[in-house]
Protein backbone atom coordinates (compact mmCIF):
# COMPACT_ATOMS: atom_id res chain seq x y z
CA MET A 1 -23.74 -14.81 5.28
CA GLY A 2 -21.74 -14.19 8.46
CA LEU A 3 -18.53 -13.72 6.55
CA TYR A 4 -20.07 -11.08 4.30
CA ASP A 5 -21.75 -9.35 7.24
CA ILE A 6 -18.24 -8.71 8.58
CA SER A 7 -16.38 -7.68 5.43
CA TYR A 8 -18.94 -6.77 2.73
CA THR A 9 -17.89 -3.09 2.67
CA ASN A 10 -14.21 -4.00 2.44
CA ILE A 11 -14.94 -6.42 -0.40
CA ILE A 12 -16.67 -3.71 -2.44
CA LEU A 13 -14.00 -1.08 -1.73
CA THR A 14 -11.19 -3.49 -2.54
CA ALA A 15 -12.81 -4.57 -5.81
CA ILE A 16 -13.17 -0.91 -6.86
CA ALA A 17 -9.54 -0.23 -5.91
CA ILE A 18 -8.39 -3.17 -8.05
CA LEU A 19 -10.34 -1.90 -11.06
CA LEU A 20 -8.99 1.64 -10.66
CA SER A 21 -5.43 0.31 -10.34
CA LEU A 22 -5.84 -1.62 -13.58
CA VAL A 23 -7.22 1.48 -15.33
CA ILE A 24 -4.24 3.58 -14.20
CA ALA A 25 -1.79 0.82 -15.18
CA GLY A 26 -3.29 0.56 -18.66
CA PHE A 27 -3.34 4.33 -19.15
CA ALA A 28 0.26 4.70 -17.91
CA TRP A 29 1.44 1.88 -20.17
CA TYR A 30 -0.26 3.51 -23.16
CA HIS A 31 1.64 6.74 -22.40
CA ARG A 32 4.82 4.95 -21.35
CA ARG A 33 7.06 7.40 -23.24
CA ILE A 34 6.22 10.13 -20.72
CA SER A 35 8.79 10.45 -17.95
CA GLY A 36 7.66 8.41 -14.94
CA ALA A 37 4.81 6.65 -16.76
CA MET A 38 6.44 3.21 -16.53
CA HIS A 39 6.97 3.65 -12.81
CA LEU A 40 3.30 4.60 -12.46
CA ALA A 41 2.32 1.46 -14.39
CA ILE A 42 4.51 -0.71 -12.14
CA LEU A 43 3.13 1.04 -9.05
CA SER A 44 -0.43 0.37 -10.21
CA MET A 45 0.25 -3.31 -10.93
CA ILE A 46 1.79 -3.76 -7.47
CA GLY A 47 -1.32 -2.14 -6.04
CA THR A 48 -3.47 -4.53 -8.07
CA ILE A 49 -1.58 -7.53 -6.69
CA TRP A 50 -1.98 -6.19 -3.15
CA GLY A 51 -5.70 -5.70 -3.71
CA LEU A 52 -6.15 -9.21 -5.11
CA ILE A 53 -4.37 -10.77 -2.13
CA TYR A 54 -6.49 -8.76 0.29
CA LEU A 55 -9.66 -9.65 -1.61
CA VAL A 56 -8.83 -13.35 -1.36
CA GLU A 57 -8.20 -12.88 2.36
CA LEU A 58 -11.67 -11.39 2.74
CA LEU A 59 -13.34 -14.18 0.77
CA VAL A 60 -11.70 -17.30 2.23
CA ARG A 61 -13.34 -18.88 5.26
CA LEU A 62 -10.57 -20.87 6.91
CA PRO A 63 -8.78 -18.90 9.67
CA ALA A 64 -5.40 -20.38 8.66
CA ALA A 65 -5.90 -19.25 5.05
CA LYS A 66 -6.98 -15.79 6.19
CA LEU A 67 -3.87 -15.52 8.32
CA LEU A 68 -1.66 -16.58 5.40
CA PHE A 69 -3.08 -13.98 3.02
CA ASP A 70 -3.03 -11.35 5.79
CA ASP A 71 0.74 -11.87 5.95
CA LEU A 72 1.26 -12.04 2.18
CA GLN A 73 -0.44 -8.70 1.53
CA PHE A 74 2.41 -6.92 3.31
CA ILE A 75 4.89 -7.95 0.61
CA PRO A 76 3.37 -5.86 -2.22
CA ALA A 77 2.31 -3.20 0.32
CA SER A 78 5.93 -2.72 1.41
CA PHE A 79 7.01 -2.24 -2.22
CA LEU A 80 4.55 0.60 -2.91
CA PRO A 81 6.27 3.46 -0.98
CA PRO A 82 9.75 2.96 -2.54
CA VAL A 83 8.28 2.60 -6.03
CA PHE A 84 6.24 5.76 -5.43
CA LEU A 85 9.44 7.56 -4.40
CA LEU A 86 11.16 6.36 -7.58
CA LEU A 87 8.16 7.57 -9.59
CA THR A 88 8.40 10.92 -7.82
CA MET A 89 12.12 11.30 -8.46
CA VAL A 90 11.88 10.33 -12.14
CA PHE A 91 8.76 12.42 -12.79
CA THR A 92 10.32 15.52 -11.24
CA GLY A 93 13.59 15.07 -13.14
CA ASN A 94 15.61 13.98 -10.11
CA GLY A 95 16.02 10.31 -11.00
CA HIS A 96 19.78 10.71 -11.39
CA LEU A 97 20.10 11.47 -7.67
CA ILE A 98 19.22 7.88 -6.72
CA HIS A 99 20.38 6.10 -9.87
CA ARG A 100 23.14 4.15 -8.12
CA SER A 101 21.61 3.82 -4.66
CA GLY A 102 18.04 3.07 -5.73
CA TRP A 103 18.43 -0.59 -4.83
CA LEU A 104 18.56 0.38 -1.14
CA LEU A 105 14.88 1.33 -1.37
CA TYR A 106 14.02 -2.33 -1.95
CA LEU A 107 15.98 -3.61 1.04
CA VAL A 108 13.08 -3.47 3.52
CA PRO A 109 10.49 -4.96 1.08
CA CYS A 110 12.81 -7.87 0.25
CA LEU A 111 13.56 -8.46 3.93
CA THR A 112 9.82 -8.32 4.59
CA ALA A 113 9.32 -11.29 2.28
CA VAL A 114 12.06 -13.16 4.16
CA MET A 115 10.56 -12.24 7.55
CA ILE A 116 7.12 -13.48 6.51
CA ALA A 117 8.51 -16.72 5.08
CA THR A 118 10.48 -17.46 8.25
CA ASN A 119 8.17 -15.92 10.86
CA ASN A 120 7.45 -19.20 12.62
CA TYR A 121 11.10 -19.35 13.67
CA HIS A 122 11.43 -15.88 15.17
CA SER A 123 7.98 -14.14 15.34
CA LEU A 124 9.54 -10.82 14.28
CA PHE A 125 6.75 -10.03 11.84
CA ARG A 126 3.77 -11.56 13.60
CA LYS A 127 3.50 -12.74 17.18
CA SER A 128 1.67 -15.93 18.06
CA GLU A 129 -1.21 -14.30 19.96
CA ILE A 130 -4.15 -14.78 17.63
CA ILE A 131 -7.81 -14.78 18.54
CA ALA A 132 -9.79 -16.85 16.06
CA GLY A 133 -12.62 -19.28 16.11
CA GLN A 134 -15.72 -20.68 14.55
CA GLN A 135 -19.28 -20.71 15.84
CA ASN A 136 -22.31 -22.33 14.22
CA GLY A 137 -20.32 -22.81 11.03
CA GLU A 138 -19.48 -19.11 10.80
CA ILE A 139 -15.95 -17.75 11.05
CA LEU A 140 -15.29 -15.27 13.84
CA PRO A 141 -12.99 -12.26 13.44
CA PHE A 142 -9.41 -12.92 14.46
CA GLN A 143 -6.88 -10.49 15.82
CA VAL A 144 -3.25 -10.46 14.72
CA VAL A 145 -0.58 -9.10 17.04
CA HIS A 146 2.27 -7.78 14.91
CA GLY A 147 5.90 -8.03 15.88
CA PRO A 148 8.68 -5.41 15.67
CA TRP A 149 9.26 -5.87 11.92
CA PHE A 150 5.74 -4.58 11.25
CA TRP A 151 6.81 -1.28 12.79
CA VAL A 152 9.94 -1.26 10.64
CA ILE A 153 7.64 -1.43 7.60
CA VAL A 154 5.44 1.34 8.99
CA ALA A 155 8.40 3.61 9.87
CA THR A 156 10.17 3.22 6.53
CA SER A 157 6.91 3.61 4.59
CA ILE A 158 6.02 6.84 6.40
CA THR A 159 9.54 8.20 5.91
CA THR A 160 9.52 7.33 2.21
CA MET A 161 6.09 8.86 1.63
CA LEU A 162 7.05 12.06 3.48
CA ILE A 163 10.15 12.40 1.30
CA SER A 164 7.95 11.95 -1.77
CA VAL A 165 5.56 14.65 -0.51
CA LEU A 166 8.42 17.09 0.05
CA VAL A 167 9.95 16.43 -3.38
CA LEU A 168 6.57 16.82 -5.10
CA LEU A 169 5.76 19.96 -3.12
CA TYR A 170 9.10 21.51 -4.11
CA ALA A 171 8.53 20.61 -7.77
CA TYR A 172 4.95 21.90 -7.62
CA LEU A 173 5.97 25.26 -6.19
CA ARG A 174 8.75 25.71 -8.73
CA ALA A 175 6.68 24.69 -11.76
CA PRO A 176 4.82 27.31 -13.81
CA ARG A 177 1.10 27.43 -13.14
CA TRP A 178 0.13 25.90 -16.49
CA SER A 179 2.17 22.72 -15.76
CA ARG A 180 1.21 22.09 -12.15
CA GLY A 181 -1.70 19.74 -12.88
CA ARG A 182 0.03 16.37 -13.05
CA THR A 183 2.48 17.18 -10.25
CA GLY A 184 -0.43 18.36 -8.14
CA GLY A 185 -2.27 15.10 -8.75
CA LEU A 186 0.63 13.01 -7.48
CA LEU A 187 1.15 15.40 -4.57
CA LEU A 188 -2.47 15.23 -3.44
CA ALA A 189 -2.49 11.42 -3.72
CA ALA A 190 0.67 11.21 -1.58
CA VAL A 191 -0.74 13.62 1.00
CA ILE A 192 -4.02 11.67 1.27
CA ILE A 193 -2.22 8.39 1.89
CA SER A 194 0.32 9.91 4.32
CA VAL A 195 -2.40 11.61 6.39
CA ALA A 196 -4.42 8.37 6.53
CA VAL A 197 -1.40 6.41 7.76
CA GLY A 198 -0.68 9.06 10.38
CA LEU A 199 -4.27 9.00 11.62
CA SER A 200 -4.25 5.19 11.69
CA LEU A 201 -1.14 4.96 13.86
CA PRO A 202 -2.97 5.25 17.23
CA ALA A 203 -5.33 2.43 16.23
CA TRP A 204 -2.43 0.24 15.05
CA ILE A 205 -0.60 0.85 18.32
CA ARG A 206 -3.69 -0.35 20.19
CA ASN A 207 -3.92 -3.24 17.72
CA VAL A 208 -7.31 -2.10 16.45
CA GLN A 209 -8.21 -2.70 12.80
CA VAL A 210 -9.28 0.39 10.83
CA ASN A 211 -10.43 0.92 7.24
CA LEU A 212 -8.95 4.41 6.96
CA THR A 213 -5.95 3.43 4.84
CA LEU A 214 -8.10 1.41 2.44
CA VAL A 215 -10.47 4.36 2.00
CA ALA A 216 -7.51 6.73 1.54
CA LEU A 217 -5.95 4.48 -1.09
CA LEU A 218 -9.27 4.36 -2.90
CA MET A 219 -9.52 8.17 -2.81
CA ALA A 220 -5.97 8.54 -4.09
CA LEU A 221 -6.58 6.05 -6.90
CA ALA A 222 -9.82 7.78 -7.88
CA PHE A 223 -8.10 11.16 -7.98
CA LEU A 224 -5.17 9.80 -10.01
CA SER A 225 -7.62 8.16 -12.42
CA TYR A 226 -9.42 11.48 -12.87
CA SER A 227 -6.27 13.60 -13.18
């Protein structure tokens, strides 16, 4: 029971997030003819993959396996902000502005996969200082010290989300009142996530684990499901 004493809340929250992501993906696919719906479906499926990887990390007992899945979760996580920006641009009718240069948004996520796969040779994504152990058959919490590439992911994700917020805010203010609902839903979801990341930064700098981003993602998913 020691494992579940540590992560039971995260397991429940992650399972709910996965279910909500699947609901949004199915709903968006059903309405795929609406502008931006396919991007929302792709965004939701990426979120589902991220949630599944994180859920496996919470459930496995071996420290080495936990460390592996802790690294792997950053691959889908790094794809979410650029896909959200693409969704924002297409949904607001500005997709043509990044039609030719959209591939640049995927540069950091693709490099993240490379950094994780080759980390043992350079430690740019994760440093070697890890506190882990086992006592009386129970796994103890381990601490991961992230390298400089982790901060590249954080910086680019924050920048991308802030751009999305500004684009959505501009579209929301220009839209007539009767059509602000869907734009407002995306805007509020982006603001919730961006604020949570900003509030989590001090803890990440001190290398302290926080659940704020997971809770914020769950709130954003719940609001998107409702809207």
